[in-house]
Amino acid sequence: MITHPHGASVPLRISIQPSRMRVGFLLFAHIGAFICLMLSGLAGWMLGVGGGLLAISLGHEALQYRQSGNSDSVTMLGCSADGQWWLASGKQQQQPVELLPGSYLHPLLVVLHFRLVGGGRRRLLLLPDMFARDEMRRLRVVVRTGGLKTGVQGSEQPT
C-alpha cells in the first residue's frame, strides 16, 4: 500500500518516454543475428532471404520507435486512489483499463497486461529509462499489492 504520511492514498500517475535501452538492445540483437547468419554457412540465396528479413525487422522496429510519440502510443499510465487503472495516449485523454494477472515485475523490466474497456488487450513493456527510478519502484509496489486503496497510517484495510 502506498500512503501519504497523513494516511491518504496518493494516486499513481506516470509519464512514459520512449526508451533508448530498447533501441540499443534491438540493434545489438539484429547485428548479432546478422553475424550468426553470415557465419552459418548457408547457401547464398538463403543468406539473402535471411538478411532481407532481418533488415525488414530492424526497419519495422525503427519505425515503431519513430512513431512512439504518435496518437496511438501510450504516453501516461495511472491508477486512481480507488484502484481504477487508466492509460492515456496522444489521441485520447484517459482510457480506463483493467489490469490483468500475469504481469512481470523486475527492477529492470515491467510488463503489464491490460484489458481495454471497449474490448481488446494491450501489453505495456516498461524499461527503467522510460521514467524516473522511484516511479518504477512505486509502480511495482502498486501492482504487487493490488492497487491503491484508502488506508490509515500505512496499515492494510480488509477488502
Protein backbone atom coordinates (compact mmCIF):
# COMPACT_ATOMS: atom_id res chain seq x y z
CA MET A 1 0.00 0.00 0.00
CA ILE A 2 1.25 3.45 -0.87
CA THR A 3 0.03 6.09 1.54
CA HIS A 4 0.78 9.68 2.18
CA PRO A 5 2.28 10.46 5.62
CA HIS A 6 -1.16 11.72 6.69
CA GLY A 7 -2.85 8.41 5.79
CA ALA A 8 -4.43 9.38 2.46
CA SER A 9 -3.60 7.37 -0.66
CA VAL A 10 -1.69 9.10 -3.40
CA PRO A 11 -2.84 8.31 -6.95
CA LEU A 12 -0.25 6.86 -9.30
CA ARG A 13 0.43 8.93 -12.42
CA ILE A 14 3.45 8.11 -14.58
CA SER A 15 4.52 9.89 -17.75
CA ILE A 16 6.15 7.44 -20.19
CA GLN A 17 9.01 8.40 -22.52
CA PRO A 18 10.49 6.40 -25.46
CA SER A 19 13.25 4.01 -24.36
CA ARG A 20 16.80 4.22 -25.68
CA MET A 21 17.65 0.96 -23.86
CA ARG A 22 15.13 -0.83 -26.06
CA VAL A 23 16.69 0.63 -29.20
CA GLY A 24 20.17 -0.44 -28.08
CA PHE A 25 19.02 -3.97 -27.28
CA LEU A 26 17.19 -4.35 -30.60
CA LEU A 27 20.17 -3.04 -32.56
CA PHE A 28 22.50 -5.42 -30.70
CA ALA A 29 20.14 -8.37 -31.30
CA HIS A 30 19.76 -7.64 -35.02
CA ILE A 31 23.50 -7.19 -35.57
CA GLY A 32 24.18 -10.39 -33.60
CA ALA A 33 21.62 -12.30 -35.68
CA PHE A 34 23.19 -10.97 -38.89
CA ILE A 35 26.67 -12.10 -37.77
CA CYS A 36 25.32 -15.56 -36.89
CA LEU A 37 23.62 -15.71 -40.27
CA MET A 38 26.87 -14.87 -42.07
CA LEU A 39 28.80 -17.50 -40.08
CA SER A 40 26.16 -20.19 -40.60
CA GLY A 41 27.44 -21.34 -43.99
CA LEU A 42 24.02 -21.29 -45.66
CA ALA A 43 23.61 -21.06 -49.41
CA GLY A 44 23.79 -17.58 -50.94
CA TRP A 45 20.07 -17.23 -51.64
CA MET A 46 19.27 -18.28 -48.05
CA LEU A 47 21.68 -15.65 -46.74
CA GLY A 48 19.91 -13.08 -48.91
CA VAL A 49 16.48 -14.06 -47.64
CA GLY A 50 17.63 -14.12 -44.01
CA GLY A 51 19.43 -10.78 -44.37
CA GLY A 52 16.35 -9.28 -46.01
CA LEU A 53 14.11 -10.49 -43.20
CA LEU A 54 16.49 -9.04 -40.62
CA ALA A 55 16.53 -5.72 -42.48
CA ILE A 56 12.71 -5.65 -42.60
CA SER A 57 12.53 -6.45 -38.89
CA LEU A 58 15.02 -3.72 -38.00
CA GLY A 59 13.17 -1.24 -40.24
CA HIS A 60 9.88 -2.13 -38.55
CA GLU A 61 11.37 -1.58 -35.10
CA ALA A 62 12.91 1.74 -36.19
CA LEU A 63 9.51 2.86 -37.48
CA GLN A 64 7.87 1.85 -34.20
CA TYR A 65 10.42 3.92 -32.28
CA ARG A 66 9.93 6.96 -34.52
CA GLN A 67 6.19 6.73 -34.03
CA SER A 68 6.45 6.33 -30.25
CA GLY A 69 5.05 9.84 -29.84
CA ASN A 70 2.12 9.32 -32.21
CA SER A 71 -1.53 9.28 -31.28
CA ASP A 72 -1.70 5.52 -30.58
CA SER A 73 1.28 5.15 -28.26
CA VAL A 74 0.79 5.18 -24.50
CA THR A 75 2.18 8.38 -23.01
CA MET A 76 0.82 8.09 -19.47
CA LEU A 77 -0.18 5.34 -17.06
CA GLY A 78 -2.09 5.72 -13.85
CA CYS A 79 -4.08 4.19 -11.05
CA SER A 80 -6.64 6.19 -9.07
CA ALA A 81 -6.98 6.01 -5.31
CA ASP A 82 -9.88 3.54 -5.69
CA GLY A 83 -7.75 1.12 -7.75
CA GLN A 84 -9.03 2.03 -11.24
CA TRP A 85 -6.24 1.79 -13.83
CA TRP A 86 -6.09 4.02 -16.91
CA LEU A 87 -3.88 4.64 -19.93
CA ALA A 88 -3.53 7.88 -21.89
CA SER A 89 -2.34 8.23 -25.46
CA GLY A 90 -1.93 11.16 -27.81
CA LYS A 91 -5.45 10.89 -29.22
CA GLN A 92 -7.41 10.06 -26.05
CA GLN A 93 -7.36 11.67 -22.64
CA GLN A 94 -7.68 8.75 -20.25
CA GLN A 95 -8.97 5.34 -21.22
CA PRO A 96 -10.00 3.11 -18.29
CA VAL A 97 -8.44 -0.35 -18.41
CA GLU A 98 -8.40 -3.46 -16.27
CA LEU A 99 -5.02 -4.77 -15.08
CA LEU A 100 -4.90 -8.49 -15.84
CA PRO A 101 -2.98 -11.07 -13.82
CA GLY A 102 0.30 -12.29 -15.20
CA SER A 103 2.25 -9.05 -15.06
CA TYR A 104 6.02 -9.43 -14.82
CA LEU A 105 7.74 -7.23 -12.23
CA HIS A 106 11.52 -6.84 -12.06
CA PRO A 107 13.71 -3.81 -11.22
CA LEU A 108 14.90 -3.69 -14.85
CA LEU A 109 11.68 -4.65 -16.63
CA VAL A 110 7.95 -4.37 -16.01
CA VAL A 111 5.42 -5.98 -18.35
CA LEU A 112 1.79 -5.12 -17.68
CA HIS A 113 -1.21 -6.76 -19.36
CA PHE A 114 -4.41 -4.73 -19.68
CA ARG A 115 -7.92 -5.38 -20.93
CA LEU A 116 -9.34 -2.35 -22.72
CA VAL A 117 -12.86 -1.28 -21.80
CA GLY A 118 -14.00 -1.22 -25.44
CA GLY A 119 -12.62 -4.72 -26.00
CA GLY A 120 -9.18 -5.96 -26.82
CA ARG A 121 -5.98 -6.25 -24.85
CA ARG A 122 -2.81 -4.24 -24.55
CA ARG A 123 0.62 -5.21 -23.29
CA LEU A 124 2.87 -2.48 -21.95
CA LEU A 125 6.63 -3.05 -21.75
CA LEU A 126 8.35 -0.61 -19.37
CA LEU A 127 12.11 -0.20 -19.02
CA PRO A 128 14.00 1.86 -16.40
CA ASP A 129 14.87 4.70 -18.80
CA MET A 130 11.22 5.39 -19.65
CA PHE A 131 10.53 7.22 -16.37
CA ALA A 132 12.10 8.05 -13.01
CA ARG A 133 13.55 5.23 -10.88
CA ASP A 134 11.32 5.97 -7.90
CA GLU A 135 8.25 5.88 -10.17
CA MET A 136 9.21 2.41 -11.42
CA ARG A 137 9.66 1.15 -7.88
CA ARG A 138 6.32 2.65 -6.86
CA LEU A 139 4.61 1.09 -9.89
CA ARG A 140 5.95 -2.36 -8.96
CA VAL A 141 4.68 -1.94 -5.39
CA VAL A 142 1.23 -0.84 -6.55
CA VAL A 143 0.91 -3.76 -8.98
CA ARG A 144 2.21 -6.26 -6.41
CA THR A 145 -0.19 -5.07 -3.70
CA GLY A 146 -3.23 -4.94 -5.98
CA GLY A 147 -3.59 -1.19 -6.44
CA LEU A 148 -4.03 1.85 -4.28
CA LYS A 149 -6.57 1.58 -1.51
CA THR A 150 -7.54 4.05 1.16
CA GLY A 151 -5.72 3.25 4.37
CA VAL A 152 -4.88 4.66 7.76
CA GLN A 153 -1.23 5.44 8.56
CA GLY A 154 0.02 2.81 6.08
CA SER A 155 -1.96 -0.07 7.59
CA GLU A 156 -3.81 -2.52 5.35
CA GLN A 157 -7.58 -2.40 5.41
CA PRO A 158 -9.56 -5.59 4.76
CA THR A 159 -11.41 -5.54 1.45
